[in-house]
C-alpha atoms as a PDB file:
ATOM      1  CA  MET A   1     157.491  71.689 179.192  1.00  0.00           C
ATOM      2  CA  ILE A   2     156.289  74.618 177.073  1.00  0.00           C
ATOM      3  CA  PHE A   3     157.089  72.809 173.915  1.00  0.00           C
ATOM      4  CA  ASN A   4     155.155  69.658 174.885  1.00  0.00           C
ATOM      5  CA  LEU A   5     152.190  71.728 175.722  1.00  0.00           C
ATOM      6  CA  GLU A   6     152.268  73.452 172.382  1.00  0.00           C
ATOM      7  CA  PHE A   7     152.725  70.239 170.655  1.00  0.00           C
ATOM      8  CA  SER A   8     149.799  68.690 172.344  1.00  0.00           C
ATOM      9  CA  ILE A   9     147.498  71.614 171.293  1.00  0.00           C
ATOM     10  CA  GLN A  10     148.780  71.365 167.765  1.00  0.00           C
ATOM     11  CA  SER A  11     148.042  67.700 167.665  1.00  0.00           C
ATOM     12  CA  LEU A  12     144.533  68.186 168.883  1.00  0.00           C
ATOM     13  CA  ILE A  13     143.493  70.838 166.330  1.00  0.00           C
ATOM     14  CA  PRO A  14     143.082  68.277 163.440  1.00  0.00           C
ATOM     15  CA  LEU A  15     141.235  65.873 165.691  1.00  0.00           C
ATOM     16  CA  ILE A  16     138.748  68.710 166.648  1.00  0.00           C
ATOM     17  CA  THR A  17     138.428  69.562 163.002  1.00  0.00           C
ATOM     18  CA  THR A  18     137.694  65.856 162.200  1.00  0.00           C
ATOM     19  CA  LEU A  19     134.893  65.694 164.835  1.00  0.00           C
ATOM     20  CA  ILE A  20     133.364  68.953 163.567  1.00  0.00           C
ATOM     21  CA  SER A  21     133.523  67.835 159.883  1.00  0.00           C
ATOM     22  CA  LEU A  22     131.910  64.414 160.791  1.00  0.00           C
ATOM     23  CA  PHE A  23     128.964  66.166 162.351  1.00  0.00           C
ATOM     24  CA  PHE A  24     128.723  68.449 159.408  1.00  0.00           C
ATOM     25  CA  THR A  25     128.831  65.352 157.023  1.00  0.00           C
ATOM     26  CA  ILE A  26     126.175  63.594 158.947  1.00  0.00           C
ATOM     27  CA  SER A  27     123.946  66.677 158.926  1.00  0.00           C
ATOM     28  CA  VAL A  28     124.372  67.111 155.156  1.00  0.00           C
ATOM     29  CA  PHE A  29     123.675  63.445 154.415  1.00  0.00           C
ATOM     30  CA  ARG A  30     120.547  63.625 156.699  1.00  0.00           C
ATOM     31  CA  GLN A  31     119.329  66.532 154.535  1.00  0.00           C
ATOM     32  CA  TYR A  32     120.112  64.543 151.444  1.00  0.00           C
ATOM     33  CA  SER A  33     118.034  61.596 152.771  1.00  0.00           C
ATOM     34  CA  GLN A  34     115.075  63.926 153.236  1.00  0.00           C
ATOM     35  CA  ARG A  35     115.315  65.896 149.911  1.00  0.00           C
ATOM     36  CA  ARG A  36     117.323  63.703 147.526  1.00  0.00           C
ATOM     37  CA  LYS A  37     119.159  66.539 145.831  1.00  0.00           C
ATOM     38  CA  VAL A  38     122.380  65.636 143.958  1.00  0.00           C
ATOM     39  CA  TYR A  39     124.286  68.667 145.214  1.00  0.00           C
ATOM     40  CA  GLN A  40     123.664  67.478 148.842  1.00  0.00           C
ATOM     41  CA  PHE A  41     125.132  64.150 148.156  1.00  0.00           C
ATOM     42  CA  ILE A  42     128.176  65.669 146.474  1.00  0.00           C
ATOM     43  CA  TRP A  43     128.608  68.119 149.397  1.00  0.00           C
ATOM     44  CA  GLY A  44     128.261  65.204 151.862  1.00  0.00           C
ATOM     45  CA  THR A  45     130.970  63.240 149.933  1.00  0.00           C
ATOM     46  CA  GLY A  46     133.354  66.258 149.878  1.00  0.00           C
ATOM     47  CA  LEU A  47     132.939  66.705 153.687  1.00  0.00           C
ATOM     48  CA  LEU A  48     133.532  63.087 154.327  1.00  0.00           C
ATOM     49  CA  ILE A  49     136.693  63.419 152.342  1.00  0.00           C
ATOM     50  CA  PHE A  50     137.603  66.429 154.435  1.00  0.00           C
ATOM     51  CA  SER A  51     137.104  64.306 157.543  1.00  0.00           C
ATOM     52  CA  PHE A  52     139.481  61.682 156.344  1.00  0.00           C
ATOM     53  CA  THR A  53     142.140  64.198 155.502  1.00  0.00           C
ATOM     54  CA  THR A  54     142.066  65.886 158.864  1.00  0.00           C
ATOM     55  CA  LEU A  55     142.073  62.451 160.510  1.00  0.00           C
ATOM     56  CA  PHE A  56     145.212  61.616 158.515  1.00  0.00           C
ATOM     57  CA  GLU A  57     146.711  64.979 159.837  1.00  0.00           C
ATOM     58  CA  PHE A  58     145.906  63.892 163.379  1.00  0.00           C
ATOM     59  CA  ILE A  59     147.486  60.473 163.026  1.00  0.00           C
ATOM     60  CA  SER A  60     150.616  61.994 161.468  1.00  0.00           C
ATOM     61  CA  GLU A  61     150.929  64.254 164.441  1.00  0.00           C
ATOM     62  CA  ILE A  62     150.798  61.283 166.893  1.00  0.00           C
ATOM     63  CA  TYR A  63     152.578  58.511 164.904  1.00  0.00           C
ATOM     64  CA  GLY A  64     154.226  60.248 161.988  1.00  0.00           C
ATOM     65  CA  TRP A  65     153.616  59.934 158.302  1.00  0.00           C
ATOM     66  CA  THR A  66     153.931  56.725 156.279  1.00  0.00           C
ATOM     67  CA  ILE A  67     154.407  56.985 152.420  1.00  0.00           C
ATOM     68  CA  PRO A  68     151.130  55.127 151.611  1.00  0.00           C
ATOM     69  CA  MET A  69     149.196  57.325 153.937  1.00  0.00           C
ATOM     70  CA  TYR A  70     150.767  60.512 152.595  1.00  0.00           C
ATOM     71  CA  ARG A  71     149.844  59.428 149.018  1.00  0.00           C
ATOM     72  CA  ALA A  72     146.271  58.854 149.915  1.00  0.00           C
ATOM     73  CA  TYR A  73     146.138  62.068 151.898  1.00  0.00           C
ATOM     74  CA  TYR A  74     147.541  64.250 149.079  1.00  0.00           C
ATOM     75  CA  ALA A  75     145.115  62.763 146.517  1.00  0.00           C
ATOM     76  CA  LEU A  76     142.181  63.557 148.834  1.00  0.00           C
ATOM     77  CA  ILE A  77     143.099  66.925 150.025  1.00  0.00           C
ATOM     78  CA  ALA A  78     143.978  68.163 146.400  1.00  0.00           C
ATOM     79  CA  SER A  79     140.455  66.950 145.284  1.00  0.00           C
ATOM     80  CA  LEU A  80     138.489  68.306 148.278  1.00  0.00           C
ATOM     81  CA  VAL A  81     137.632  71.863 147.210  1.00  0.00           C
ATOM     82  CA  ALA A  82     136.865  70.708 143.628  1.00  0.00           C
ATOM     83  CA  ILE A  83     134.182  68.291 144.916  1.00  0.00           C
ATOM     84  CA  LEU A  84     132.612  70.844 147.138  1.00  0.00           C
ATOM     85  CA  GLY A  85     132.571  73.290 144.309  1.00  0.00           C
ATOM     86  CA  LEU A  86     131.065  70.723 141.999  1.00  0.00           C
ATOM     87  CA  GLY A  87     128.143  70.381 144.435  1.00  0.00           C
ATOM     88  CA  THR A  88     127.647  74.173 144.231  1.00  0.00           C
ATOM     89  CA  VAL A  89     127.608  74.060 140.432  1.00  0.00           C
ATOM     90  CA  TYR A  90     124.996  71.255 140.547  1.00  0.00           C
ATOM     91  CA  LEU A  91     122.925  73.477 142.798  1.00  0.00           C
ATOM     92  CA  PHE A  92     122.692  76.188 140.161  1.00  0.00           C
ATOM     93  CA  ASN A  93     122.826  74.228 136.863  1.00  0.00           C
ATOM     94  CA  ARG A  94     122.827  70.428 136.388  1.00  0.00           C
ATOM     95  CA  ARG A  95     124.105  70.513 132.904  1.00  0.00           C
ATOM     96  CA  ALA A  96     127.073  72.607 133.792  1.00  0.00           C
ATOM     97  CA  GLY A  97     127.553  70.227 136.729  1.00  0.00           C
ATOM     98  CA  ARG A  98     127.767  67.279 134.364  1.00  0.00           C
ATOM     99  CA  TYR A  99     130.350  68.997 132.177  1.00  0.00           C
ATOM    100  CA  LEU A 100     132.410  69.960 135.189  1.00  0.00           C
ATOM    101  CA  THR A 101     132.147  66.384 136.537  1.00  0.00           C
ATOM    102  CA  LEU A 102     133.767  65.070 133.312  1.00  0.00           C
ATOM    103  CA  TYR A 103     136.553  67.584 133.661  1.00  0.00           C
ATOM    104  CA  PHE A 104     137.163  66.826 137.301  1.00  0.00           C
ATOM    105  CA  VAL A 105     137.147  63.037 136.695  1.00  0.00           C
ATOM    106  CA  VAL A 106     139.910  63.383 134.134  1.00  0.00           C
ATOM    107  CA  VAL A 107     142.028  65.690 136.368  1.00  0.00           C
ATOM    108  CA  ILE A 108     141.436  63.645 139.565  1.00  0.00           C
ATOM    109  CA  ALA A 109     142.351  60.460 137.755  1.00  0.00           C
ATOM    110  CA  THR A 110     145.604  62.079 136.438  1.00  0.00           C
ATOM    111  CA  LEU A 111     146.311  63.315 139.964  1.00  0.00           C
ATOM    112  CA  ILE A 112     145.766  59.908 141.577  1.00  0.00           C
ATOM    113  CA  ILE A 113     147.976  58.095 139.057  1.00  0.00           C
ATOM    114  CA  SER A 114     150.678  60.819 139.362  1.00  0.00           C
ATOM    115  CA  THR A 115     150.448  60.778 143.151  1.00  0.00           C
ATOM    116  CA  PHE A 116     150.825  56.971 143.560  1.00  0.00           C
ATOM    117  CA  ASN A 117     153.754  56.975 141.171  1.00  0.00           C
ATOM    118  CA  ALA A 118     155.532  59.979 142.526  1.00  0.00           C
ATOM    119  CA  ASP A 119     158.879  59.884 144.392  1.00  0.00           C
ATOM    120  CA  ILE A 120     157.989  61.127 147.823  1.00  0.00           C
ATOM    121  CA  ALA A 121     160.494  63.340 149.600  1.00  0.00           C
ATOM    122  CA  SER A 122     160.695  60.988 152.712  1.00  0.00           C
ATOM    123  CA  GLU A 123     162.841  63.382 154.689  1.00  0.00           C
ATOM    124  CA  LYS A 124     159.901  65.933 154.590  1.00  0.00           C
ATOM    125  CA  LEU A 125     157.646  63.206 156.090  1.00  0.00           C
ATOM    126  CA  LYS A 126     159.674  63.410 159.261  1.00  0.00           C
ATOM    127  CA  GLU A 127     158.219  66.788 159.936  1.00  0.00           C
ATOM    128  CA  LYS A 128     154.791  67.013 161.496  1.00  0.00           C
ATOM    129  CA  THR A 129     152.924  69.440 159.368  1.00  0.00           C
ATOM    130  CA  VAL A 130     153.993  68.973 155.733  1.00  0.00           C
ATOM    131  CA  GLY A 131     151.047  69.906 153.531  1.00  0.00           C
ATOM    132  CA  GLY A 132     151.998  69.168 149.926  1.00  0.00           C
ATOM    133  CA  SER A 133     155.690  69.873 150.388  1.00  0.00           C
ATOM    134  CA  ALA A 134     156.749  66.119 150.258  1.00  0.00           C
ATOM    135  CA  MET A 135     155.171  65.777 146.844  1.00  0.00           C
ATOM    136  CA  PRO A 136     157.278  66.568 143.783  1.00  0.00           C
ATOM    137  CA  ALA A 137     156.640  69.715 141.740  1.00  0.00           C
ATOM    138  CA  ASN A 138     155.343  67.903 138.686  1.00  0.00           C
ATOM    139  CA  VAL A 139     152.548  66.460 140.833  1.00  0.00           C
ATOM    140  CA  ARG A 140     151.839  69.482 142.843  1.00  0.00           C
ATOM    141  CA  MET A 141     151.259  71.524 139.628  1.00  0.00           C
ATOM    142  CA  ILE A 142     148.149  69.355 138.881  1.00  0.00           C
ATOM    143  CA  SER A 143     146.243  70.454 142.047  1.00  0.00           C
ATOM    144  CA  PRO A 144     145.530  74.066 140.877  1.00  0.00           C
ATOM    145  CA  PHE A 145     143.508  72.604 137.963  1.00  0.00           C
ATOM    146  CA  LEU A 146     141.217  71.367 140.737  1.00  0.00           C
ATOM    147  CA  THR A 147     141.489  73.840 143.578  1.00  0.00           C
ATOM    148  CA  ILE A 148     141.075  77.046 141.491  1.00  0.00           C
ATOM    149  CA  PRO A 149     137.944  76.113 139.648  1.00  0.00           C
ATOM    150  CA  GLY A 150     136.558  74.395 142.732  1.00  0.00           C
ATOM    151  CA  SER A 151     137.220  77.474 144.892  1.00  0.00           C
ATOM    152  CA  ILE A 152     135.676  79.827 142.339  1.00  0.00           C
ATOM    153  CA  ALA A 153     132.521  77.622 142.215  1.00  0.00           C
ATOM    154  CA  LEU A 154     132.184  77.168 145.961  1.00  0.00           C
ATOM    155  CA  ILE A 155     133.079  80.690 147.077  1.00  0.00           C
ATOM    156  CA  GLY A 156     131.555  82.430 144.111  1.00  0.00           C
ATOM    157  CA  GLY A 157     128.368  80.345 144.303  1.00  0.00           C
ATOM    158  CA  ALA A 158     127.919  81.262 147.993  1.00  0.00           C
ATOM    159  CA  LEU A 159     128.576  84.969 147.393  1.00  0.00           C
ATOM    160  CA  TYR A 160     126.154  85.031 144.420  1.00  0.00           C
ATOM    161  CA  SER A 161     123.439  83.340 146.567  1.00  0.00           C
ATOM    162  CA  TRP A 162     124.029  85.974 149.212  1.00  0.00           C
ATOM    163  CA  TYR A 163     123.780  88.809 146.625  1.00  0.00           C
ATOM    164  CA  ILE A 164     120.423  87.423 145.380  1.00  0.00           C
ATOM    165  CA  ALA A 165     118.739  86.437 148.698  1.00  0.00           C
ATOM    166  CA  ARG A 166     120.826  88.447 151.194  1.00  0.00           C
ATOM    167  CA  ARG A 167     120.929  85.470 153.611  1.00  0.00           C
ATOM    168  CA  SER A 168     123.645  85.719 156.131  1.00  0.00           C
ATOM    169  CA  TYR A 169     124.325  81.926 156.032  1.00  0.00           C
ATOM    170  CA  ASN A 170     125.634  82.296 152.561  1.00  0.00           C
ATOM    171  CA  LEU A 171     128.385  84.637 153.778  1.00  0.00           C
ATOM    172  CA  PHE A 172     129.336  82.200 156.509  1.00  0.00           C
ATOM    173  CA  ILE A 173     129.705  79.422 153.822  1.00  0.00           C
ATOM    174  CA  ALA A 174     131.691  81.715 151.473  1.00  0.00           C
ATOM    175  CA  ILE A 175     134.043  82.814 154.368  1.00  0.00           C
ATOM    176  CA  GLY A 176     134.435  79.337 155.628  1.00  0.00           C
ATOM    177  CA  ALA A 177     135.298  78.035 152.132  1.00  0.00           C
ATOM    178  CA  LEU A 178     137.799  80.816 151.657  1.00  0.00           C
ATOM    179  CA  LEU A 179     139.530  79.949 154.965  1.00  0.00           C
ATOM    180  CA  VAL A 180     139.850  76.246 153.967  1.00  0.00           C
ATOM    181  CA  ALA A 181     141.070  77.098 150.464  1.00  0.00           C
ATOM    182  CA  SER A 182     143.574  79.611 151.881  1.00  0.00           C
ATOM    183  CA  GLY A 183     145.089  77.010 154.240  1.00  0.00           C
ATOM    184  CA  GLY A 184     145.782  74.761 151.218  1.00  0.00           C
ATOM    185  CA  SER A 185     147.178  77.673 149.216  1.00  0.00           C
ATOM    186  CA  LEU A 186     149.424  79.030 151.902  1.00  0.00           C
ATOM    187  CA  SER A 187     150.904  75.493 152.594  1.00  0.00           C
ATOM    188  CA  ARG A 188     151.938  75.487 148.941  1.00  0.00           C
ATOM    189  CA  PHE A 189     154.108  78.563 149.628  1.00  0.00           C
ATOM    190  CA  GLY A 190     155.864  77.139 152.620  1.00  0.00           C
ATOM    191  CA  MET A 191     153.449  78.197 155.330  1.00  0.00           C
ATOM    192  CA  GLU A 192     152.265  74.749 156.370  1.00  0.00           C
ATOM    193  CA  TRP A 193     151.783  75.890 160.025  1.00  0.00           C
ATOM    194  CA  THR A 194     148.657  77.829 158.880  1.00  0.00           C
ATOM    195  CA  LEU A 195     146.962  74.644 157.408  1.00  0.00           C
ATOM    196  CA  TYR A 196     145.464  73.060 160.575  1.00  0.00           C
ATOM    197  CA  MET A 197     144.078  76.408 162.058  1.00  0.00           C
ATOM    198  CA  LEU A 198     142.490  77.583 158.815  1.00  0.00           C
ATOM    199  CA  GLU A 199     140.893  74.167 158.219  1.00  0.00           C
ATOM    200  CA  LEU A 200     139.397  74.273 161.788  1.00  0.00           C
ATOM    201  CA  LEU A 201     138.120  77.771 161.457  1.00  0.00           C
ATOM    202  CA  GLY A 202     136.894  77.288 157.876  1.00  0.00           C
ATOM    203  CA  VAL A 203     134.841  74.144 158.518  1.00  0.00           C
ATOM    204  CA  ALA A 204     133.450  75.517 161.718  1.00  0.00           C
ATOM    205  CA  VAL A 205     132.277  78.738 159.990  1.00  0.00           C
ATOM    206  CA  MET A 206     130.765  76.679 157.091  1.00  0.00           C
ATOM    207  CA  TYR A 207     128.909  74.495 159.599  1.00  0.00           C
ATOM    208  CA  ILE A 208     127.479  77.590 161.401  1.00  0.00           C
ATOM    209  CA  GLY A 209     126.236  78.757 157.935  1.00  0.00           C
ATOM    210  CA  PHE A 210     124.644  75.268 157.252  1.00  0.00           C
ATOM    211  CA  ILE A 211     122.914  75.418 160.613  1.00  0.00           C
ATOM    212  CA  LYS A 212     121.595  78.904 159.936  1.00  0.00           C
ATOM    213  CA  SER A 213     120.307  77.752 156.507  1.00  0.00           C
ATOM    214  CA  GLU A 214     118.513  74.838 158.146  1.00  0.00           C
ATOM    215  CA  ASP A 215     116.808  77.269 160.536  1.00  0.00           C
ATOM    216  CA  VAL A 216     115.622  79.461 157.643  1.00  0.00           C
ATOM    217  CA  ILE A 217     114.219  76.323 155.878  1.00  0.00           C
ATOM    218  CA  LYS A 218     112.375  75.177 159.099  1.00  0.00           C
ATOM    219  CA  LYS A 219     110.833  78.612 159.381  1.00  0.00           C
ATOM    220  CA  ARG A 220     109.480  78.326 155.863  1.00  0.00           C
ATOM    221  CA  ILE A 221     107.999  74.986 156.524  1.00  0.00           C
END
């Protein structure tokens, strides 16, 4: 009975994360519809991808993984932080954003081709929380070329904004992004159980930061 209760709670975590990230996505796209900034559209796209990955995680907890679903999941989750980081670069410098876009397009294309041609460790898919462990090493070695620069841009950009303006919401965004990135990193080292909780905490903290930033903007208006 205890096992079933714990399993149910674990299954609900990615569903809760999906709902929060969908609300976050809608909020960012609403902001984009009002201001038409490129970085807002990129952030909204990244958050939509995040919603899909956590939805895949929820489905896997209930019905198990299929190989096509896992391939799509891995390609999306490995690209996630890079896209969010790209939005932050566009916020500060459009030219740098264009160069980084070219780099990410090449790496993401390589990742997608490699992912959909990889030999998946199907025995790993019988587990519930697998992270990237079912993907072969030659594919997994591609993801740091996305996650590392993406994390530096996203977290570093938020911290720099906080340093310049001393707005608390930037710290929320930086901490939330660090939590999400940490979940992916820890899963690479066999700690897949941390993934769901850190994703939930991370997106919730980032969303709080976003709401706080909206309050500051409204006061200025």
